[in-house]
Amino acid sequence: MAVPRPKAMLLPLPPTTVAALSLEHHLIVEALRCGYGTASHIGSLAQLLLVTSFLIEDGRGQGNADGLRELEDALVRCHQRGVDTGAYFVDDDTYMLLGELLTLHDRQLATTPLHALAAAQQRVDRIGAEPTPQRTMLRQAA
């Protein structure tokens, strides 16, 4: 028998919270676009990619699996370039892919019940705790 959830967990986030989260994500992408990114920005976008992917798996939105893997690979390259050079930025192709990710995730935030968002984030948190550096984000999650 399923445990009853409080009403707030059954509803999507309030519009003001969705707007604040969306703005935060868009500002991270713009910082990377303008050459002011950090390793933390890449990590935040990697987490966002995973949450979005898990929500798609849960039937909350449609995403292109190839595009998500392409973005994952681009973020890994961006991170490695940053480690090697100290410059964390995204190229035009990655910027376009990130725009698609943000559009999809913004829709998810506006419509997904809080319990589903929390479950997706918990999955990300569990992956982050596992010491498997040889695997990439989406492949590790599969």
Protein backbone atom coordinates (compact mmCIF):
# COMPACT_ATOMS: atom_id res chain seq x y z
CA MET A 1 0.00 0.00 0.00
CA ALA A 2 1.37 3.38 -0.98
CA VAL A 3 2.08 5.90 1.74
CA PRO A 4 -0.17 8.95 1.39
CA ARG A 5 1.68 12.09 0.40
CA PRO A 6 1.00 15.59 1.68
CA LYS A 7 -0.89 17.72 -0.82
CA ALA A 8 2.17 19.93 -1.44
CA MET A 9 4.11 16.89 -2.68
CA LEU A 10 1.41 16.17 -5.27
CA LEU A 11 1.56 19.64 -6.81
CA PRO A 12 4.15 21.21 -9.08
CA LEU A 13 6.45 23.87 -7.69
CA PRO A 14 4.96 27.36 -7.32
CA PRO A 15 5.54 29.53 -10.42
CA THR A 16 7.85 31.88 -8.50
CA THR A 17 10.08 28.95 -7.49
CA VAL A 18 10.10 27.64 -11.07
CA ALA A 19 11.11 31.08 -12.32
CA ALA A 20 13.91 31.38 -9.75
CA LEU A 21 15.32 27.94 -10.58
CA SER A 22 15.05 28.60 -14.30
CA LEU A 23 16.87 31.92 -13.94
CA GLU A 24 19.64 30.24 -11.95
CA HIS A 25 20.09 27.58 -14.66
CA HIS A 26 20.05 30.13 -17.49
CA LEU A 27 22.61 32.32 -15.71
CA ILE A 28 24.95 29.35 -15.32
CA VAL A 29 24.73 28.65 -19.04
CA GLU A 30 25.34 32.31 -19.86
CA ALA A 31 28.37 32.44 -17.55
CA LEU A 32 29.82 29.48 -19.44
CA ARG A 33 28.90 31.04 -22.77
CA CYS A 34 30.73 34.26 -21.88
CA GLY A 35 33.85 32.51 -20.57
CA TYR A 36 33.16 33.11 -16.88
CA GLY A 37 32.29 29.53 -16.02
CA THR A 38 33.67 27.34 -13.27
CA ALA A 39 33.93 23.64 -12.58
CA SER A 40 30.97 24.08 -10.24
CA HIS A 41 28.87 25.39 -13.14
CA ILE A 42 29.67 22.29 -15.17
CA GLY A 43 28.75 20.11 -12.20
CA SER A 44 25.43 21.92 -11.78
CA LEU A 45 24.57 21.37 -15.43
CA ALA A 46 25.58 17.71 -15.20
CA GLN A 47 23.16 17.30 -12.29
CA LEU A 48 20.47 19.16 -14.22
CA LEU A 49 21.01 16.82 -17.18
CA LEU A 50 20.60 13.79 -14.94
CA VAL A 51 17.47 15.09 -13.20
CA THR A 52 15.95 15.91 -16.58
CA SER A 53 16.84 12.45 -17.91
CA PHE A 54 15.33 10.72 -14.88
CA LEU A 55 12.13 12.73 -15.25
CA ILE A 56 11.94 11.69 -18.91
CA GLU A 57 12.32 8.06 -17.83
CA ASP A 58 9.43 8.68 -15.45
CA GLY A 59 7.27 9.84 -18.37
CA ARG A 60 7.59 13.53 -17.61
CA GLY A 61 8.56 15.15 -20.86
CA GLN A 62 10.12 13.96 -24.07
CA GLY A 63 13.78 14.23 -24.82
CA ASN A 64 16.09 13.03 -27.51
CA ALA A 65 18.32 10.34 -25.95
CA ASP A 66 21.04 10.94 -28.56
CA GLY A 67 20.94 14.67 -27.89
CA LEU A 68 21.20 14.12 -24.15
CA ARG A 69 24.20 11.82 -24.58
CA GLU A 70 25.77 14.34 -26.97
CA LEU A 71 25.32 17.03 -24.33
CA GLU A 72 26.76 14.76 -21.68
CA ASP A 73 29.85 14.16 -23.83
CA ALA A 74 30.16 17.90 -24.49
CA LEU A 75 30.01 18.67 -20.76
CA VAL A 76 32.68 16.07 -20.06
CA ARG A 77 34.91 17.67 -22.74
CA CYS A 78 34.22 21.15 -21.34
CA HIS A 79 35.12 20.00 -17.86
CA GLN A 80 38.33 18.34 -19.03
CA ARG A 81 39.30 21.43 -21.01
CA GLY A 82 38.71 23.50 -17.89
CA VAL A 83 40.85 21.18 -15.79
CA ASP A 84 43.61 21.34 -18.40
CA THR A 85 43.49 25.08 -19.09
CA GLY A 86 41.56 26.71 -16.26
CA ALA A 87 39.00 28.06 -18.77
CA TYR A 88 35.48 26.70 -18.38
CA PHE A 89 33.30 27.66 -21.33
CA VAL A 90 30.94 26.12 -23.88
CA ASP A 91 31.11 26.27 -27.65
CA ASP A 92 28.18 27.21 -29.90
CA ASP A 93 27.00 23.63 -30.41
CA THR A 94 27.01 22.89 -26.68
CA TYR A 95 25.23 26.17 -26.03
CA MET A 96 22.44 25.13 -28.40
CA LEU A 97 22.13 21.73 -26.71
CA LEU A 98 22.01 23.41 -23.31
CA GLY A 99 19.23 25.69 -24.57
CA GLU A 100 17.19 22.63 -25.53
CA LEU A 101 17.87 21.06 -22.13
CA LEU A 102 16.80 24.21 -20.29
CA THR A 103 13.60 24.50 -22.31
CA LEU A 104 12.68 20.90 -21.54
CA HIS A 105 13.59 21.18 -17.86
CA ASP A 106 11.67 24.44 -17.46
CA ARG A 107 8.55 22.62 -18.73
CA GLN A 108 9.25 19.74 -16.36
CA LEU A 109 9.60 22.09 -13.39
CA ALA A 110 6.31 23.77 -14.21
CA THR A 111 4.31 20.54 -14.43
CA THR A 112 6.01 17.81 -12.40
CA PRO A 113 4.77 17.09 -8.87
CA LEU A 114 7.28 17.83 -6.14
CA HIS A 115 7.50 14.15 -5.11
CA ALA A 116 8.73 13.22 -8.62
CA LEU A 117 11.30 16.03 -8.63
CA ALA A 118 12.52 14.93 -5.20
CA ALA A 119 12.81 11.30 -6.35
CA ALA A 120 14.84 12.31 -9.41
CA GLN A 121 17.16 14.43 -7.25
CA GLN A 122 17.60 11.56 -4.80
CA ARG A 123 18.71 9.34 -7.69
CA VAL A 124 21.28 11.96 -8.68
CA ASP A 125 22.48 12.22 -5.09
CA ARG A 126 22.94 8.43 -4.89
CA ILE A 127 24.96 8.42 -8.13
CA GLY A 128 27.14 11.24 -6.84
CA ALA A 129 27.98 9.20 -3.77
CA GLU A 130 29.20 6.21 -5.79
CA PRO A 131 32.95 6.14 -6.55
CA THR A 132 32.83 5.28 -10.27
CA PRO A 133 34.87 7.92 -12.10
CA GLN A 134 35.42 5.73 -15.16
CA ARG A 135 31.71 5.86 -16.06
CA THR A 136 30.00 8.92 -17.41
CA MET A 137 26.86 10.39 -15.93
CA LEU A 138 24.04 8.95 -18.06
CA ARG A 139 25.70 5.63 -18.64
CA GLN A 140 26.31 5.31 -14.90
CA ALA A 141 22.66 6.05 -14.23
CA ALA A 142 21.38 3.41 -16.64
